[in-house]
Amino acid sequence: MDFLDVVRRWSGWIFLALVAALVIMGYHFGNIRFAPLAAGFAILAVVCWTDRGRIPMRSDGIHARRDSGVRPASG
């Protein structure tokens, strides 16, 4: 894991803590207005925890999307 992945994971935990705090405050004060804000932070936590689907590097040194321009001889 590189540094940005660690920051992304920690921010997900912080967003989840904010969700918990807002839910507890909404329950304590009996106010439903905390729900949309808590839902927004829950969505941000899920976005932070999802993997980005990185393409694994090939070990043979050939880039998968590059066209070398070499064509077989026709004729």
Protein backbone atom coordinates (compact mmCIF):
# COMPACT_ATOMS: atom_id res chain seq x y z
CA MET A 1 0.00 0.00 0.00
CA ASP A 2 1.33 3.38 -0.84
CA PHE A 3 0.80 6.59 1.11
CA LEU A 4 -2.35 7.66 -0.75
CA ASP A 5 -4.04 4.34 -0.03
CA VAL A 6 -3.30 4.76 3.68
CA VAL A 7 -4.72 8.29 3.64
CA ARG A 8 -7.81 7.07 1.79
CA ARG A 9 -8.40 4.28 4.33
CA TRP A 10 -7.97 6.62 7.30
CA SER A 11 -10.33 9.18 5.78
CA GLY A 12 -12.91 6.39 5.40
CA TRP A 13 -12.64 5.66 9.12
CA ILE A 14 -12.95 9.36 9.95
CA PHE A 15 -16.07 9.65 7.78
CA LEU A 16 -17.53 6.60 9.53
CA ALA A 17 -16.85 8.21 12.92
CA LEU A 18 -18.67 11.33 11.73
CA VAL A 19 -21.62 9.16 10.67
CA ALA A 20 -21.74 7.59 14.11
CA ALA A 21 -21.52 10.99 15.83
CA LEU A 22 -24.30 12.45 13.68
CA VAL A 23 -26.54 9.43 14.26
CA ILE A 24 -26.01 9.65 18.02
CA MET A 25 -26.70 13.40 17.98
CA GLY A 26 -29.84 12.88 15.92
CA TYR A 27 -31.05 10.20 18.31
CA HIS A 28 -30.22 12.32 21.36
CA PHE A 29 -31.87 15.51 20.11
CA GLY A 30 -34.71 13.70 18.34
CA ASN A 31 -33.98 15.58 15.14
CA ILE A 32 -34.27 13.92 11.74
CA ARG A 33 -32.24 16.70 10.09
CA PHE A 34 -29.01 14.89 10.94
CA ALA A 35 -29.97 11.95 8.68
CA PRO A 36 -29.10 13.46 5.24
CA LEU A 37 -25.76 14.70 6.51
CA ALA A 38 -24.98 11.30 8.04
CA ALA A 39 -26.00 9.59 4.80
CA GLY A 40 -23.65 11.83 2.82
CA PHE A 41 -20.72 10.97 5.07
CA ALA A 42 -21.64 7.27 4.84
CA ILE A 43 -21.45 7.50 1.05
CA LEU A 44 -18.05 9.20 1.32
CA ALA A 45 -16.82 6.42 3.62
CA VAL A 46 -17.90 3.78 1.11
CA VAL A 47 -16.19 5.66 -1.72
CA CYS A 48 -12.97 5.84 0.30
CA TRP A 49 -13.02 2.11 1.06
CA THR A 50 -13.71 0.83 -2.45
CA ASP A 51 -10.71 -0.34 -4.44
CA ARG A 52 -9.91 1.60 -7.55
CA GLY A 53 -9.45 -1.47 -9.77
CA ARG A 54 -5.88 -0.83 -10.76
CA ILE A 55 -4.51 -2.68 -13.76
CA PRO A 56 -1.70 -5.03 -12.70
CA MET A 57 1.63 -4.41 -14.36
CA ARG A 58 2.87 -7.02 -16.80
CA SER A 59 6.30 -8.35 -16.01
CA ASP A 60 7.48 -8.86 -19.60
CA GLY A 61 8.00 -5.14 -20.23
CA ILE A 62 5.39 -4.87 -22.98
CA HIS A 63 2.76 -2.21 -22.42
CA ALA A 64 -0.70 -3.64 -23.00
CA ARG A 65 -2.18 -0.61 -24.79
CA ARG A 66 0.70 0.46 -26.98
CA ASP A 67 0.80 -0.34 -30.67
CA SER A 68 4.36 -1.01 -31.84
CA GLY A 69 3.51 -0.39 -35.47
CA VAL A 70 5.22 -3.59 -36.64
CA ARG A 71 3.01 -5.55 -39.03
CA PRO A 72 3.60 -8.98 -40.54
CA ALA A 73 4.75 -8.96 -44.16
CA SER A 74 1.93 -9.46 -46.62
CA GLY A 75 2.29 -11.14 -49.89
